[in-house]
Amino acid sequence: MESTSKHHVAHPFWPRDLSIPNYVPNDRSMSEILTFLFSVSGVFLLATWGITGRENASGRLGVWRRLAVCWFAVCGFIHGVIEGWFSLYYEVIPADQSFLSQLWKEYSKGDSRYAIADNFTVCMETITAWLWGPFSFWAVYAFLTNKPYRFVLQLIISLGQLYGAVLYFYTEHRDGYAHSEMGHPIYFWFYFVFLNALWVIIPLVLIVDAWGQLSGAQALTDNARSHKSKRT
């Protein structure tokens, strides 16, 4: 019984008695993993910011629109690459020492559902990776080329992100926040709360924005039809 208990706590995840028999500790530090994540995200952001500054057929994009397009570029990377890795390799991540597997083991200190391949996280991340990842890059293209469906894409992606994030928080709330060290400044507040709250706050703003853009376009169409019917 004593050896079994020691085996159960031979990992950094919560709850402490969680059994992950194939777990192998990371050989890369937290700073190395976070530096990679934010550096690559920063490259996507800066590159997109530079590209969106160029003039296209409809003129230059405004600052807020450029920031929105940068957001979609970063989302494409995070959803398609990082979450895509989890969707493919979730069964072997605890024992795997590939860089992205180590990233997920680091993040699992804030939510151990990823270390145990919880059904909800696997399903949610798979949908996110294979739908919202490609759709995010599609949105970047649509805004850069001024496609008429660009705000439809923005609305669809943002609704999907918001729905997933709400379910993510709500399912863990119903579990009593058992999969993280409650109140820990990095693992709970930064990994679990802050990083995921971005996918609540920003999609909400973009949903309201898309609502206004699409409603305005529909109002113009309705007015044009009304004037046409009056003339005839």
C-alpha atoms as a PDB file:
ATOM      1  CA  MET A   1       0.000   0.000   0.000  1.00  0.00           C
ATOM      2  CA  GLU A   2       2.842   2.391   0.799  1.00  0.00           C
ATOM      3  CA  SER A   3       4.553   1.893  -2.570  1.00  0.00           C
ATOM      4  CA  THR A   4       1.226   2.390  -4.384  1.00  0.00           C
ATOM      5  CA  SER A   5       0.672   5.694  -2.589  1.00  0.00           C
ATOM      6  CA  LYS A   6       4.129   6.910  -3.503  1.00  0.00           C
ATOM      7  CA  HIS A   7       3.512   5.886  -7.102  1.00  0.00           C
ATOM      8  CA  HIS A   8       0.324   7.940  -7.219  1.00  0.00           C
ATOM      9  CA  VAL A   9       2.039  11.175  -6.185  1.00  0.00           C
ATOM     10  CA  ALA A  10       5.076  10.781  -8.473  1.00  0.00           C
ATOM     11  CA  HIS A  11       3.797  13.534 -10.744  1.00  0.00           C
ATOM     12  CA  PRO A  12       3.075  17.283 -10.398  1.00  0.00           C
ATOM     13  CA  PHE A  13      -0.651  17.105 -11.174  1.00  0.00           C
ATOM     14  CA  TRP A  14      -3.820  17.487  -9.109  1.00  0.00           C
ATOM     15  CA  PRO A  15      -5.477  15.713  -7.452  1.00  0.00           C
ATOM     16  CA  ARG A  16      -2.290  14.377  -5.896  1.00  0.00           C
ATOM     17  CA  ASP A  17      -3.568  10.772  -5.803  1.00  0.00           C
ATOM     18  CA  LEU A  18      -4.201  10.795  -9.573  1.00  0.00           C
ATOM     19  CA  SER A  19      -2.795   7.632 -11.132  1.00  0.00           C
ATOM     20  CA  ILE A  20      -0.661   8.241 -14.240  1.00  0.00           C
ATOM     21  CA  PRO A  21       1.529   5.137 -14.353  1.00  0.00           C
ATOM     22  CA  ASN A  22       3.334   6.023 -17.592  1.00  0.00           C
ATOM     23  CA  TYR A  23       4.247   9.603 -16.607  1.00  0.00           C
ATOM     24  CA  VAL A  24       7.773  10.779 -17.451  1.00  0.00           C
ATOM     25  CA  PRO A  25       8.893  14.146 -15.982  1.00  0.00           C
ATOM     26  CA  ASN A  26       9.785  16.945 -18.393  1.00  0.00           C
ATOM     27  CA  ASP A  27      13.457  17.555 -19.060  1.00  0.00           C
ATOM     28  CA  ARG A  28      12.722  21.086 -20.305  1.00  0.00           C
ATOM     29  CA  SER A  29      12.078  23.961 -17.918  1.00  0.00           C
ATOM     30  CA  MET A  30       8.925  26.025 -17.593  1.00  0.00           C
ATOM     31  CA  SER A  31      10.755  29.117 -18.882  1.00  0.00           C
ATOM     32  CA  GLU A  32      11.967  27.265 -21.980  1.00  0.00           C
ATOM     33  CA  ILE A  33       8.476  26.017 -22.789  1.00  0.00           C
ATOM     34  CA  LEU A  34       6.769  29.370 -22.191  1.00  0.00           C
ATOM     35  CA  THR A  35       9.455  31.207 -24.150  1.00  0.00           C
ATOM     36  CA  PHE A  36       8.751  28.964 -27.129  1.00  0.00           C
ATOM     37  CA  LEU A  37       4.983  29.441 -26.865  1.00  0.00           C
ATOM     38  CA  PHE A  38       5.041  33.211 -26.590  1.00  0.00           C
ATOM     39  CA  SER A  39       7.907  33.670 -29.052  1.00  0.00           C
ATOM     40  CA  VAL A  40       6.196  31.759 -31.853  1.00  0.00           C
ATOM     41  CA  SER A  41       2.862  33.417 -31.053  1.00  0.00           C
ATOM     42  CA  GLY A  42       4.667  36.760 -31.161  1.00  0.00           C
ATOM     43  CA  VAL A  43       6.157  35.965 -34.564  1.00  0.00           C
ATOM     44  CA  PHE A  44       2.685  35.196 -35.946  1.00  0.00           C
ATOM     45  CA  LEU A  45       1.336  38.388 -34.401  1.00  0.00           C
ATOM     46  CA  LEU A  46       4.128  40.644 -35.676  1.00  0.00           C
ATOM     47  CA  ALA A  47       4.171  39.089 -39.150  1.00  0.00           C
ATOM     48  CA  THR A  48       0.399  39.497 -39.489  1.00  0.00           C
ATOM     49  CA  TRP A  49       0.588  43.036 -38.154  1.00  0.00           C
ATOM     50  CA  GLY A  50       3.123  43.862 -40.864  1.00  0.00           C
ATOM     51  CA  ILE A  51       1.091  42.229 -43.612  1.00  0.00           C
ATOM     52  CA  THR A  52      -2.162  43.925 -42.566  1.00  0.00           C
ATOM     53  CA  GLY A  53      -0.455  47.319 -42.726  1.00  0.00           C
ATOM     54  CA  ARG A  54      -0.252  47.109 -46.496  1.00  0.00           C
ATOM     55  CA  GLU A  55      -2.904  48.755 -48.611  1.00  0.00           C
ATOM     56  CA  ASN A  56      -5.303  46.485 -50.464  1.00  0.00           C
ATOM     57  CA  ALA A  57      -8.189  47.012 -52.867  1.00  0.00           C
ATOM     58  CA  SER A  58     -10.413  48.446 -50.131  1.00  0.00           C
ATOM     59  CA  GLY A  59      -7.704  50.627 -48.598  1.00  0.00           C
ATOM     60  CA  ARG A  60      -5.851  50.106 -45.332  1.00  0.00           C
ATOM     61  CA  LEU A  61      -7.291  48.175 -42.430  1.00  0.00           C
ATOM     62  CA  GLY A  62      -7.822  50.156 -39.235  1.00  0.00           C
ATOM     63  CA  VAL A  63      -5.859  49.440 -36.067  1.00  0.00           C
ATOM     64  CA  TRP A  64      -8.618  47.440 -34.369  1.00  0.00           C
ATOM     65  CA  ARG A  65      -9.291  45.386 -37.497  1.00  0.00           C
ATOM     66  CA  ARG A  66      -5.568  44.648 -37.825  1.00  0.00           C
ATOM     67  CA  LEU A  67      -5.503  43.485 -34.207  1.00  0.00           C
ATOM     68  CA  ALA A  68      -8.491  41.207 -34.883  1.00  0.00           C
ATOM     69  CA  VAL A  69      -6.721  39.663 -37.882  1.00  0.00           C
ATOM     70  CA  CYS A  70      -3.581  39.191 -35.763  1.00  0.00           C
ATOM     71  CA  TRP A  71      -5.732  37.400 -33.192  1.00  0.00           C
ATOM     72  CA  PHE A  72      -6.985  34.980 -35.831  1.00  0.00           C
ATOM     73  CA  ALA A  73      -3.423  34.319 -37.015  1.00  0.00           C
ATOM     74  CA  VAL A  74      -2.295  33.452 -33.477  1.00  0.00           C
ATOM     75  CA  CYS A  75      -5.442  31.338 -33.014  1.00  0.00           C
ATOM     76  CA  GLY A  76      -4.606  29.441 -36.195  1.00  0.00           C
ATOM     77  CA  PHE A  77      -1.202  28.548 -34.759  1.00  0.00           C
ATOM     78  CA  ILE A  78      -2.445  27.636 -31.284  1.00  0.00           C
ATOM     79  CA  HIS A  79      -5.510  25.708 -32.461  1.00  0.00           C
ATOM     80  CA  GLY A  80      -3.957  24.039 -35.483  1.00  0.00           C
ATOM     81  CA  VAL A  81      -0.484  23.206 -34.165  1.00  0.00           C
ATOM     82  CA  ILE A  82      -0.527  23.054 -30.361  1.00  0.00           C
ATOM     83  CA  GLU A  83      -4.077  21.815 -29.835  1.00  0.00           C
ATOM     84  CA  GLY A  84      -3.774  19.741 -32.997  1.00  0.00           C
ATOM     85  CA  TRP A  85      -0.835  17.929 -31.367  1.00  0.00           C
ATOM     86  CA  PHE A  86      -2.957  17.137 -28.321  1.00  0.00           C
ATOM     87  CA  SER A  87      -5.812  15.854 -30.477  1.00  0.00           C
ATOM     88  CA  LEU A  88      -3.443  13.426 -32.206  1.00  0.00           C
ATOM     89  CA  TYR A  89      -1.174  12.302 -29.356  1.00  0.00           C
ATOM     90  CA  TYR A  90      -3.229  12.680 -26.166  1.00  0.00           C
ATOM     91  CA  GLU A  91      -2.812   8.980 -25.342  1.00  0.00           C
ATOM     92  CA  VAL A  92       1.003   9.113 -25.230  1.00  0.00           C
ATOM     93  CA  ILE A  93       1.659  12.660 -23.972  1.00  0.00           C
ATOM     94  CA  PRO A  94       2.347  11.725 -20.304  1.00  0.00           C
ATOM     95  CA  ALA A  95       5.236   9.443 -21.368  1.00  0.00           C
ATOM     96  CA  ASP A  96       6.392  11.373 -24.432  1.00  0.00           C
ATOM     97  CA  GLN A  97       9.312  13.815 -24.400  1.00  0.00           C
ATOM     98  CA  SER A  98       8.596  15.609 -27.683  1.00  0.00           C
ATOM     99  CA  PHE A  99       8.618  19.369 -27.167  1.00  0.00           C
ATOM    100  CA  LEU A 100       4.880  19.839 -27.694  1.00  0.00           C
ATOM    101  CA  SER A 101       4.115  16.896 -25.424  1.00  0.00           C
ATOM    102  CA  GLN A 102       6.244  18.533 -22.742  1.00  0.00           C
ATOM    103  CA  LEU A 103       4.327  21.760 -23.314  1.00  0.00           C
ATOM    104  CA  TRP A 104       1.091  19.897 -22.610  1.00  0.00           C
ATOM    105  CA  LYS A 105       2.557  18.262 -19.515  1.00  0.00           C
ATOM    106  CA  GLU A 106       3.555  21.709 -18.276  1.00  0.00           C
ATOM    107  CA  TYR A 107       0.072  23.067 -18.953  1.00  0.00           C
ATOM    108  CA  SER A 108      -1.459  20.033 -17.225  1.00  0.00           C
ATOM    109  CA  LYS A 109      -0.111  21.384 -13.937  1.00  0.00           C
ATOM    110  CA  GLY A 110      -2.961  23.853 -14.267  1.00  0.00           C
ATOM    111  CA  ASP A 111      -5.486  21.332 -15.581  1.00  0.00           C
ATOM    112  CA  SER A 112      -4.666  17.646 -15.205  1.00  0.00           C
ATOM    113  CA  ARG A 113      -7.558  16.666 -17.456  1.00  0.00           C
ATOM    114  CA  TYR A 114      -5.032  16.931 -20.278  1.00  0.00           C
ATOM    115  CA  ALA A 115      -2.656  14.499 -18.585  1.00  0.00           C
ATOM    116  CA  ILE A 116      -5.374  11.865 -18.196  1.00  0.00           C
ATOM    117  CA  ALA A 117      -6.987  12.446 -21.643  1.00  0.00           C
ATOM    118  CA  ASP A 118     -10.342  13.386 -20.134  1.00  0.00           C
ATOM    119  CA  ASN A 119     -13.181  12.748 -22.604  1.00  0.00           C
ATOM    120  CA  PHE A 120     -14.359  16.352 -22.641  1.00  0.00           C
ATOM    121  CA  THR A 121     -10.915  17.842 -23.285  1.00  0.00           C
ATOM    122  CA  VAL A 122     -10.144  15.344 -26.047  1.00  0.00           C
ATOM    123  CA  CYS A 123     -13.446  16.020 -27.830  1.00  0.00           C
ATOM    124  CA  MET A 124     -13.305  19.788 -27.315  1.00  0.00           C
ATOM    125  CA  GLU A 125      -9.670  20.135 -28.408  1.00  0.00           C
ATOM    126  CA  THR A 126     -10.178  17.918 -31.454  1.00  0.00           C
ATOM    127  CA  ILE A 127     -13.061  20.071 -32.676  1.00  0.00           C
ATOM    128  CA  THR A 128     -11.072  23.217 -31.904  1.00  0.00           C
ATOM    129  CA  ALA A 129      -7.974  21.986 -33.705  1.00  0.00           C
ATOM    130  CA  TRP A 130      -9.592  20.708 -36.879  1.00  0.00           C
ATOM    131  CA  LEU A 131     -12.313  23.323 -37.262  1.00  0.00           C
ATOM    132  CA  TRP A 132     -11.289  26.586 -35.629  1.00  0.00           C
ATOM    133  CA  GLY A 133      -7.615  26.194 -36.555  1.00  0.00           C
ATOM    134  CA  PRO A 134      -8.115  26.112 -40.346  1.00  0.00           C
ATOM    135  CA  PHE A 135     -11.054  28.520 -40.091  1.00  0.00           C
ATOM    136  CA  SER A 136      -8.828  31.046 -38.267  1.00  0.00           C
ATOM    137  CA  PHE A 137      -6.273  31.022 -41.093  1.00  0.00           C
ATOM    138  CA  TRP A 138      -9.155  31.261 -43.560  1.00  0.00           C
ATOM    139  CA  ALA A 139     -10.394  34.350 -41.693  1.00  0.00           C
ATOM    140  CA  VAL A 140      -6.939  35.946 -42.000  1.00  0.00           C
ATOM    141  CA  TYR A 141      -7.032  35.350 -45.753  1.00  0.00           C
ATOM    142  CA  ALA A 142     -10.613  36.634 -46.003  1.00  0.00           C
ATOM    143  CA  PHE A 143      -9.791  39.927 -44.287  1.00  0.00           C
ATOM    144  CA  LEU A 144      -6.574  40.440 -46.242  1.00  0.00           C
ATOM    145  CA  THR A 145      -8.419  39.934 -49.545  1.00  0.00           C
ATOM    146  CA  ASN A 146     -11.611  41.738 -48.463  1.00  0.00           C
ATOM    147  CA  LYS A 147     -13.898  38.741 -49.020  1.00  0.00           C
ATOM    148  CA  PRO A 148     -17.608  39.467 -48.469  1.00  0.00           C
ATOM    149  CA  TYR A 149     -17.939  36.503 -46.099  1.00  0.00           C
ATOM    150  CA  ARG A 150     -15.173  37.646 -43.736  1.00  0.00           C
ATOM    151  CA  PHE A 151     -17.497  38.708 -40.920  1.00  0.00           C
ATOM    152  CA  VAL A 152     -19.503  35.506 -41.266  1.00  0.00           C
ATOM    153  CA  LEU A 153     -16.277  33.613 -40.592  1.00  0.00           C
ATOM    154  CA  GLN A 154     -15.482  35.898 -37.673  1.00  0.00           C
ATOM    155  CA  LEU A 155     -18.901  35.210 -36.155  1.00  0.00           C
ATOM    156  CA  ILE A 156     -18.725  31.428 -36.639  1.00  0.00           C
ATOM    157  CA  ILE A 157     -15.195  31.089 -35.234  1.00  0.00           C
ATOM    158  CA  SER A 158     -15.850  33.374 -32.277  1.00  0.00           C
ATOM    159  CA  LEU A 159     -19.089  31.606 -31.354  1.00  0.00           C
ATOM    160  CA  GLY A 160     -17.296  28.261 -31.487  1.00  0.00           C
ATOM    161  CA  GLN A 161     -14.415  29.530 -29.354  1.00  0.00           C
ATOM    162  CA  LEU A 162     -16.739  31.118 -26.799  1.00  0.00           C
ATOM    163  CA  TYR A 163     -18.895  28.000 -26.520  1.00  0.00           C
ATOM    164  CA  GLY A 164     -15.848  25.772 -26.029  1.00  0.00           C
ATOM    165  CA  ALA A 165     -14.324  28.088 -23.417  1.00  0.00           C
ATOM    166  CA  VAL A 166     -17.562  28.357 -21.444  1.00  0.00           C
ATOM    167  CA  LEU A 167     -17.931  24.574 -21.389  1.00  0.00           C
ATOM    168  CA  TYR A 168     -14.249  24.262 -20.436  1.00  0.00           C
ATOM    169  CA  PHE A 169     -14.686  26.449 -17.364  1.00  0.00           C
ATOM    170  CA  TYR A 170     -18.131  25.160 -16.460  1.00  0.00           C
ATOM    171  CA  THR A 171     -17.221  21.463 -16.529  1.00  0.00           C
ATOM    172  CA  GLU A 172     -14.240  22.125 -14.263  1.00  0.00           C
ATOM    173  CA  HIS A 173     -16.408  24.236 -11.959  1.00  0.00           C
ATOM    174  CA  ARG A 174     -18.796  21.291 -11.596  1.00  0.00           C
ATOM    175  CA  ASP A 175     -15.784  19.127 -10.719  1.00  0.00           C
ATOM    176  CA  GLY A 176     -14.920  21.526  -7.905  1.00  0.00           C
ATOM    177  CA  TYR A 177     -11.670  22.695  -9.569  1.00  0.00           C
ATOM    178  CA  ALA A 178     -10.155  19.363  -8.637  1.00  0.00           C
ATOM    179  CA  HIS A 179      -7.658  19.265 -11.499  1.00  0.00           C
ATOM    180  CA  SER A 180      -5.480  22.197 -10.450  1.00  0.00           C
ATOM    181  CA  GLU A 181      -3.833  23.574  -7.333  1.00  0.00           C
ATOM    182  CA  MET A 182      -6.555  26.036  -6.403  1.00  0.00           C
ATOM    183  CA  GLY A 183      -5.211  29.559  -6.065  1.00  0.00           C
ATOM    184  CA  HIS A 184      -1.692  28.838  -7.353  1.00  0.00           C
ATOM    185  CA  PRO A 185      -0.484  32.082  -9.032  1.00  0.00           C
ATOM    186  CA  ILE A 186       0.938  30.358 -12.119  1.00  0.00           C
ATOM    187  CA  TYR A 187      -0.818  27.022 -12.527  1.00  0.00           C
ATOM    188  CA  PHE A 188      -4.324  28.099 -11.525  1.00  0.00           C
ATOM    189  CA  TRP A 189      -4.538  31.849 -12.150  1.00  0.00           C
ATOM    190  CA  PHE A 190      -2.231  32.136 -15.162  1.00  0.00           C
ATOM    191  CA  TYR A 191      -2.503  28.758 -16.948  1.00  0.00           C
ATOM    192  CA  PHE A 192      -6.073  27.833 -16.159  1.00  0.00           C
ATOM    193  CA  VAL A 193      -7.873  31.154 -15.646  1.00  0.00           C
ATOM    194  CA  PHE A 194      -6.047  33.893 -17.582  1.00  0.00           C
ATOM    195  CA  LEU A 195      -4.975  32.003 -20.697  1.00  0.00           C
ATOM    196  CA  ASN A 196      -8.432  30.518 -21.186  1.00  0.00           C
ATOM    197  CA  ALA A 197     -10.297  33.716 -20.285  1.00  0.00           C
ATOM    198  CA  LEU A 198      -8.806  35.232 -23.435  1.00  0.00           C
ATOM    199  CA  TRP A 199     -11.043  32.856 -25.407  1.00  0.00           C
ATOM    200  CA  VAL A 200     -14.068  34.222 -23.578  1.00  0.00           C
ATOM    201  CA  ILE A 201     -13.362  37.966 -23.638  1.00  0.00           C
ATOM    202  CA  ILE A 202     -11.939  38.396 -27.153  1.00  0.00           C
ATOM    203  CA  PRO A 203     -14.528  36.202 -28.933  1.00  0.00           C
ATOM    204  CA  LEU A 204     -17.301  38.099 -27.119  1.00  0.00           C
ATOM    205  CA  VAL A 205     -15.939  41.387 -28.478  1.00  0.00           C
ATOM    206  CA  LEU A 206     -15.623  39.919 -31.970  1.00  0.00           C
ATOM    207  CA  ILE A 207     -19.153  38.488 -31.858  1.00  0.00           C
ATOM    208  CA  VAL A 208     -20.548  41.939 -31.043  1.00  0.00           C
ATOM    209  CA  ASP A 209     -18.402  43.422 -33.823  1.00  0.00           C
ATOM    210  CA  ALA A 210     -19.555  40.845 -36.392  1.00  0.00           C
ATOM    211  CA  TRP A 211     -23.162  41.340 -35.271  1.00  0.00           C
ATOM    212  CA  GLY A 212     -22.862  45.060 -35.969  1.00  0.00           C
ATOM    213  CA  GLN A 213     -21.139  44.579 -39.323  1.00  0.00           C
ATOM    214  CA  LEU A 214     -23.615  41.979 -40.593  1.00  0.00           C
ATOM    215  CA  SER A 215     -26.644  43.854 -39.261  1.00  0.00           C
ATOM    216  CA  GLY A 216     -25.415  47.034 -40.963  1.00  0.00           C
ATOM    217  CA  ALA A 217     -24.934  45.198 -44.251  1.00  0.00           C
ATOM    218  CA  GLN A 218     -28.430  43.701 -44.007  1.00  0.00           C
ATOM    219  CA  ALA A 219     -29.914  47.109 -43.229  1.00  0.00           C
ATOM    220  CA  LEU A 220     -28.326  48.542 -46.386  1.00  0.00           C
ATOM    221  CA  THR A 221     -29.697  45.650 -48.441  1.00  0.00           C
ATOM    222  CA  ASP A 222     -33.173  46.117 -46.959  1.00  0.00           C
ATOM    223  CA  ASN A 223     -33.094  49.854 -47.663  1.00  0.00           C
ATOM    224  CA  ALA A 224     -31.981  49.275 -51.244  1.00  0.00           C
ATOM    225  CA  ARG A 225     -34.829  46.807 -51.794  1.00  0.00           C
ATOM    226  CA  SER A 226     -37.299  49.223 -50.229  1.00  0.00           C
ATOM    227  CA  HIS A 227     -36.230  52.072 -52.515  1.00  0.00           C
ATOM    228  CA  LYS A 228     -36.362  49.787 -55.529  1.00  0.00           C
ATOM    229  CA  SER A 229     -39.879  48.606 -54.735  1.00  0.00           C
ATOM    230  CA  LYS A 230     -41.061  52.198 -54.302  1.00  0.00           C
ATOM    231  CA  ARG A 231     -39.710  53.149 -57.715  1.00  0.00           C
ATOM    232  CA  THR A 232     -41.484  50.246 -59.351  1.00  0.00           C
END
